[in-house]
């Protein structure tokens, strides 16, 4: 079993071994993994350009964090907003159709950096799929190098603290949380509840799209599947319940006591009572483009 220092040296050696003449493209998100990856790339002395592809549903603190601490990161703004793409997709992103990742991350990276070698902050600990891939692998999006492959969350926290690296305020002081898009359905329940409480306005934006666009467009289909109201549809979505499981859940649980259902109800009420249409909001709030 490697020590932390051995893992750091392995990561540095890996980046040096595969360094391309035109330098790496480092996929940067502002999260703890990409901050450590950026730091190790600097230690390795390899040539790289960090790039960031923002989405409107990320923690607003993330934008100012990156601008303040990583001013050399190149920002690639999407042509259409998250809400505009949702309107076209006519559904919420899920495991069957994860259009958000495809549209806002994979396609832009493939289009802008088709023949470049990427540094990515993926770790084996995060999922079985990521653990199954080698440190260097080829995909339709190009070649990816994964220097953090064998790092654990404890390792990432240790490097962050030991090296005095900046910490994104979106973590709320808890680096064991996974930072992702605020409204992401793939969050753990504890992180989801934290996100709902901290960034309720973004969930109300989501509720607005459900109430006024997505549910009306598919109302007959969704009702036939057992989602009788927009609230039920959005609640089942965040509880990750298929129609049969949602039916059993309603029959066996007190919906008035479920923390996710209660929050969704609140977001739906806000959306129905004067909340601004997210399609009409300024892109990325008041953030000035770099």
Protein backbone atom coordinates (compact mmCIF):
# COMPACT_ATOMS: atom_id res chain seq x y z
CA UNK A 1 0.00 0.00 0.00
CA UNK A 2 1.44 3.34 -1.06
CA UNK A 3 2.05 6.15 1.41
CA UNK A 4 0.76 9.62 0.57
CA UNK A 5 4.24 10.78 -0.47
CA UNK A 6 4.58 7.75 -2.75
CA UNK A 7 1.21 8.53 -4.35
CA UNK A 8 2.30 12.13 -4.93
CA UNK A 9 5.55 10.98 -6.53
CA UNK A 10 3.67 8.44 -8.66
CA UNK A 11 1.32 11.21 -9.86
CA UNK A 12 4.23 13.49 -10.69
CA UNK A 13 6.08 10.72 -12.55
CA UNK A 14 2.94 9.84 -14.51
CA UNK A 15 2.43 13.42 -15.66
CA UNK A 16 6.07 13.77 -16.66
CA UNK A 17 6.05 10.47 -18.55
CA UNK A 18 3.07 11.33 -20.75
CA UNK A 19 3.60 15.09 -21.09
CA UNK A 20 2.81 16.10 -24.69
CA UNK A 21 4.84 18.67 -26.59
CA UNK A 22 1.90 21.07 -26.67
CA UNK A 23 1.10 20.57 -22.99
CA UNK A 24 -1.86 19.07 -21.17
CA UNK A 25 -5.39 20.36 -20.93
CA UNK A 26 -6.33 20.18 -17.25
CA UNK A 27 -10.05 19.79 -16.63
CA UNK A 28 -10.69 22.21 -13.76
CA UNK A 29 -13.87 22.47 -11.71
CA UNK A 30 -12.93 24.38 -8.58
CA UNK A 31 -13.48 21.30 -6.42
CA UNK A 32 -10.91 19.83 -4.04
CA UNK A 33 -9.69 17.19 -6.50
CA UNK A 34 -9.03 19.64 -9.33
CA UNK A 35 -7.27 22.03 -6.92
CA UNK A 36 -4.92 19.24 -5.81
CA UNK A 37 -4.44 18.13 -9.42
CA UNK A 38 -3.53 21.69 -10.41
CA UNK A 39 -1.04 21.86 -7.52
CA UNK A 40 0.60 18.53 -8.43
CA UNK A 41 0.88 19.55 -12.08
CA UNK A 42 2.76 22.65 -10.91
CA UNK A 43 5.05 20.48 -8.75
CA UNK A 44 5.69 18.19 -11.71
CA UNK A 45 6.75 21.17 -13.80
CA UNK A 46 4.72 19.99 -16.78
CA UNK A 47 3.18 22.36 -19.29
CA UNK A 48 -0.60 22.60 -18.96
CA UNK A 49 -3.58 24.85 -19.47
CA UNK A 50 -6.42 24.58 -16.96
CA UNK A 51 -9.88 25.00 -18.48
CA UNK A 52 -13.26 25.41 -16.84
CA UNK A 53 -16.72 25.01 -18.37
CA UNK A 54 -19.25 26.70 -16.07
CA UNK A 55 -22.91 25.76 -15.73
CA UNK A 56 -25.54 28.00 -14.15
CA UNK A 57 -26.48 25.38 -11.55
CA UNK A 58 -23.09 25.19 -9.88
CA UNK A 59 -22.56 26.85 -6.48
CA UNK A 60 -22.33 30.61 -7.14
CA UNK A 61 -19.34 30.73 -4.77
CA UNK A 62 -17.44 28.55 -7.23
CA UNK A 63 -17.22 31.31 -9.83
CA UNK A 64 -15.66 33.85 -7.49
CA UNK A 65 -13.39 31.19 -5.95
CA UNK A 66 -11.87 30.31 -9.32
CA UNK A 67 -11.55 33.95 -10.38
CA UNK A 68 -9.80 34.84 -7.13
CA UNK A 69 -7.45 31.89 -6.68
CA UNK A 70 -6.92 30.59 -10.22
CA UNK A 71 -6.97 33.59 -12.55
CA UNK A 72 -5.06 31.74 -15.29
CA UNK A 73 -7.86 29.22 -15.80
CA UNK A 74 -9.51 29.57 -19.21
CA UNK A 75 -13.31 29.79 -19.07
CA UNK A 76 -15.48 28.37 -21.86
CA UNK A 77 -19.04 29.65 -21.53
CA UNK A 78 -21.80 27.53 -23.10
CA UNK A 79 -23.80 29.04 -25.94
CA UNK A 80 -27.07 28.08 -24.25
CA UNK A 81 -28.02 28.09 -20.60
CA UNK A 82 -28.75 25.00 -18.54
CA UNK A 83 -32.43 25.93 -18.58
CA UNK A 84 -32.51 26.41 -22.35
CA UNK A 85 -30.99 22.98 -22.88
CA UNK A 86 -33.46 21.49 -20.38
CA UNK A 87 -36.32 23.05 -22.31
CA UNK A 88 -35.09 21.41 -25.50
CA UNK A 89 -34.49 18.04 -23.77
CA UNK A 90 -38.01 18.24 -22.25
CA UNK A 91 -36.90 16.24 -19.22
CA UNK A 92 -34.71 16.31 -16.14
CA UNK A 93 -31.25 14.76 -16.50
CA UNK A 94 -30.99 11.26 -15.09
CA UNK A 95 -28.95 8.06 -15.46
CA UNK A 96 -30.73 7.19 -18.72
CA UNK A 97 -30.24 10.56 -20.36
CA UNK A 98 -27.52 12.55 -18.64
CA UNK A 99 -27.74 15.39 -21.13
CA UNK A 100 -26.13 17.92 -18.78
CA UNK A 101 -22.73 16.20 -18.71
CA UNK A 102 -22.86 15.47 -22.43
CA UNK A 103 -23.83 18.97 -23.50
CA UNK A 104 -21.85 21.09 -21.05
CA UNK A 105 -18.71 19.01 -20.44
CA UNK A 106 -18.02 16.19 -22.91
CA UNK A 107 -19.02 17.80 -26.20
CA UNK A 108 -17.25 21.13 -25.56
CA UNK A 109 -14.07 19.33 -24.47
CA UNK A 110 -14.19 17.14 -27.55
CA UNK A 111 -14.87 20.10 -29.84
CA UNK A 112 -12.30 22.49 -28.37
CA UNK A 113 -9.52 20.06 -27.46
CA UNK A 114 -10.07 17.09 -29.74
CA UNK A 115 -6.41 16.14 -30.19
CA UNK A 116 -5.13 17.20 -26.78
CA UNK A 117 -4.17 14.98 -23.85
CA UNK A 118 -6.24 15.78 -20.76
CA UNK A 119 -5.40 15.72 -17.07
CA UNK A 120 -8.49 14.73 -15.10
CA UNK A 121 -9.05 14.45 -11.36
CA UNK A 122 -10.86 11.12 -11.35
CA UNK A 123 -10.20 8.78 -8.43
CA UNK A 124 -10.77 5.01 -8.15
CA UNK A 125 -12.47 5.50 -4.79
CA UNK A 126 -15.34 7.43 -6.39
CA UNK A 127 -16.98 4.60 -8.33
CA UNK A 128 -16.51 1.10 -9.73
CA UNK A 129 -16.46 2.50 -13.26
CA UNK A 130 -13.61 4.87 -12.45
CA UNK A 131 -11.74 2.16 -10.57
CA UNK A 132 -11.94 -0.14 -13.60
CA UNK A 133 -10.11 2.24 -15.94
CA UNK A 134 -6.31 2.47 -16.14
CA UNK A 135 -4.34 5.57 -15.25
CA UNK A 136 -4.09 6.46 -18.94
CA UNK A 137 -6.98 5.55 -21.21
CA UNK A 138 -8.48 6.38 -24.60
CA UNK A 139 -12.10 7.41 -25.17
CA UNK A 140 -14.08 9.14 -27.89
CA UNK A 141 -13.10 12.36 -26.12
CA UNK A 142 -9.38 11.67 -26.47
CA UNK A 143 -6.64 10.50 -24.12
CA UNK A 144 -7.10 11.07 -20.40
CA UNK A 145 -4.36 10.89 -17.77
CA UNK A 146 -5.49 10.35 -14.18
CA UNK A 147 -2.75 11.28 -11.68
CA UNK A 148 -5.13 11.13 -8.70
CA UNK A 149 -6.30 7.59 -9.46
CA UNK A 150 -5.09 6.05 -6.19
CA UNK A 151 -5.74 9.04 -3.93
CA UNK A 152 -8.42 8.66 -1.27
CA UNK A 153 -10.53 11.47 0.12
CA UNK A 154 -8.27 11.45 3.18
CA UNK A 155 -5.27 11.90 0.88
CA UNK A 156 -6.88 14.85 -0.89
CA UNK A 157 -7.70 16.51 2.43
CA UNK A 158 -4.17 15.83 3.74
CA UNK A 159 -2.53 17.41 0.68
CA UNK A 160 -4.91 20.39 0.86
CA UNK A 161 -4.10 21.01 4.52
CA UNK A 162 -0.37 20.26 4.31
CA UNK A 163 0.21 22.45 1.28
CA UNK A 164 -2.13 25.21 2.40
CA UNK A 165 -4.22 25.01 -0.76
CA UNK A 166 -7.29 27.24 -1.10
CA UNK A 167 -10.60 25.62 -0.13
CA UNK A 168 -13.78 26.35 -2.03
CA UNK A 169 -16.33 27.94 0.35
CA UNK A 170 -19.06 25.88 -1.31
CA UNK A 171 -17.93 22.93 0.84
CA UNK A 172 -19.12 24.73 3.94
CA UNK A 173 -15.98 23.64 5.76
CA UNK A 174 -16.53 19.92 5.11
CA UNK A 175 -14.17 18.60 2.43
CA UNK A 176 -15.74 15.16 2.67
CA UNK A 177 -18.68 16.48 0.71
CA UNK A 178 -18.58 16.03 -3.04
CA UNK A 179 -19.03 19.31 -4.84
CA UNK A 180 -21.08 19.11 -8.00
CA UNK A 181 -23.87 20.99 -9.67
CA UNK A 182 -26.22 22.17 -6.93
CA UNK A 183 -29.32 20.51 -8.40
CA UNK A 184 -27.60 17.25 -9.39
CA UNK A 185 -29.70 14.16 -8.73
CA UNK A 186 -26.61 11.98 -8.23
CA UNK A 187 -25.67 13.55 -4.89
CA UNK A 188 -25.81 11.55 -1.68
CA UNK A 189 -28.86 12.35 0.43
CA UNK A 190 -26.93 14.28 3.07
CA UNK A 191 -25.22 16.43 0.43
CA UNK A 192 -28.51 16.91 -1.41
CA UNK A 193 -30.22 18.20 1.73
CA UNK A 194 -27.27 20.50 2.39
CA UNK A 195 -27.53 21.82 -1.18
CA UNK A 196 -31.29 22.30 -0.92
CA UNK A 197 -30.92 24.31 2.26
CA UNK A 198 -27.99 26.41 1.07
CA UNK A 199 -28.96 27.07 -2.55
CA UNK A 200 -32.75 26.89 -2.46
CA UNK A 201 -33.10 29.49 -5.20
CA UNK A 202 -31.52 27.16 -7.75
CA UNK A 203 -33.87 24.34 -6.73
CA UNK A 204 -36.75 26.80 -7.09
CA UNK A 205 -35.51 27.47 -10.63
CA UNK A 206 -35.67 23.73 -11.20
CA UNK A 207 -39.17 23.61 -9.72
CA UNK A 208 -40.24 26.45 -12.03
CA UNK A 209 -39.11 24.46 -15.06
CA UNK A 210 -40.95 21.39 -13.77
CA UNK A 211 -44.19 23.25 -13.03
CA UNK A 212 -44.43 25.42 -16.14
CA UNK A 213 -42.60 23.46 -18.82
CA UNK A 214 -41.57 19.86 -18.18
CA UNK A 215 -44.62 18.49 -16.37
CA UNK A 216 -47.23 20.14 -18.67
CA UNK A 217 -45.38 18.83 -21.72
CA UNK A 218 -45.48 15.22 -20.46
CA UNK A 219 -48.42 15.36 -18.06
CA UNK A 220 -50.40 12.44 -19.52
CA UNK A 221 -47.32 10.23 -19.63
CA UNK A 222 -46.16 11.17 -16.13
CA UNK A 223 -49.61 10.71 -14.60
CA UNK A 224 -49.88 7.30 -16.23
CA UNK A 225 -46.54 6.46 -14.62
CA UNK A 226 -47.88 7.42 -11.20
CA UNK A 227 -46.47 10.94 -10.84
CA UNK A 228 -49.79 12.69 -10.31
CA UNK A 229 -48.50 16.22 -9.73
CA UNK A 230 -45.34 18.25 -10.41
CA UNK A 231 -44.49 17.85 -6.73
CA UNK A 232 -44.68 14.06 -6.97
CA UNK A 233 -42.58 14.08 -10.14
CA UNK A 234 -39.83 16.23 -8.62
CA UNK A 235 -39.94 14.40 -5.28
CA UNK A 236 -39.61 10.97 -6.90
CA UNK A 237 -36.79 12.35 -9.06
CA UNK A 238 -34.71 13.41 -6.07
CA UNK A 239 -35.60 10.30 -4.11
CA UNK A 240 -34.44 8.29 -7.15
CA UNK A 241 -37.63 6.24 -7.22
CA UNK A 242 -39.02 4.50 -10.29
CA UNK A 243 -42.83 4.49 -10.71
CA UNK A 244 -43.35 1.16 -8.86
CA UNK A 245 -41.05 2.22 -6.04
CA UNK A 246 -42.69 5.64 -5.85
CA UNK A 247 -46.11 3.98 -5.52
CA UNK A 248 -44.82 1.79 -2.67
CA UNK A 249 -43.12 4.77 -1.07
CA UNK A 250 -46.37 6.77 -1.03
CA UNK A 251 -48.23 3.83 0.45
CA UNK A 252 -45.72 3.13 3.22
CA UNK A 253 -44.26 6.53 4.12
CA UNK A 254 -45.58 9.71 5.65
CA UNK A 255 -44.85 12.25 2.91
CA UNK A 256 -45.43 15.06 5.40
CA UNK A 257 -42.38 13.87 7.32
CA UNK A 258 -39.95 13.17 4.48
CA UNK A 259 -37.24 15.88 4.35
CA UNK A 260 -36.82 15.78 0.58
CA UNK A 261 -40.55 15.86 -0.16
CA UNK A 262 -41.03 18.74 2.28
CA UNK A 263 -38.31 20.77 0.59
CA UNK A 264 -39.62 20.02 -2.88
CA UNK A 265 -43.07 21.22 -1.82
CA UNK A 266 -41.50 24.45 -0.64
CA UNK A 267 -39.66 24.94 -3.93
CA UNK A 268 -42.82 24.24 -5.92
CA UNK A 269 -44.80 26.79 -3.89
CA UNK A 270 -42.12 29.41 -4.43
CA UNK A 271 -42.05 28.69 -8.15
CA UNK A 272 -45.81 29.12 -8.36
CA UNK A 273 -45.82 32.39 -6.43
CA UNK A 274 -43.88 35.04 -8.28
CA UNK A 275 -40.49 33.36 -8.77
CA UNK A 276 -38.64 34.71 -11.79
CA UNK A 277 -38.52 32.46 -14.83
CA UNK A 278 -34.95 31.07 -14.94
CA UNK A 279 -35.04 31.35 -18.73
CA UNK A 280 -35.21 35.14 -18.27
CA UNK A 281 -32.50 35.48 -15.62
CA UNK A 282 -29.04 36.91 -16.43
CA UNK A 283 -26.56 34.18 -17.26
CA UNK A 284 -24.44 33.27 -14.22
CA UNK A 285 -26.06 35.98 -12.11
CA UNK A 286 -23.97 39.11 -12.04
CA UNK A 287 -20.70 37.38 -12.94
CA UNK A 288 -18.69 39.33 -15.49
CA UNK A 289 -17.19 37.20 -18.21
CA UNK A 290 -13.44 36.91 -18.05
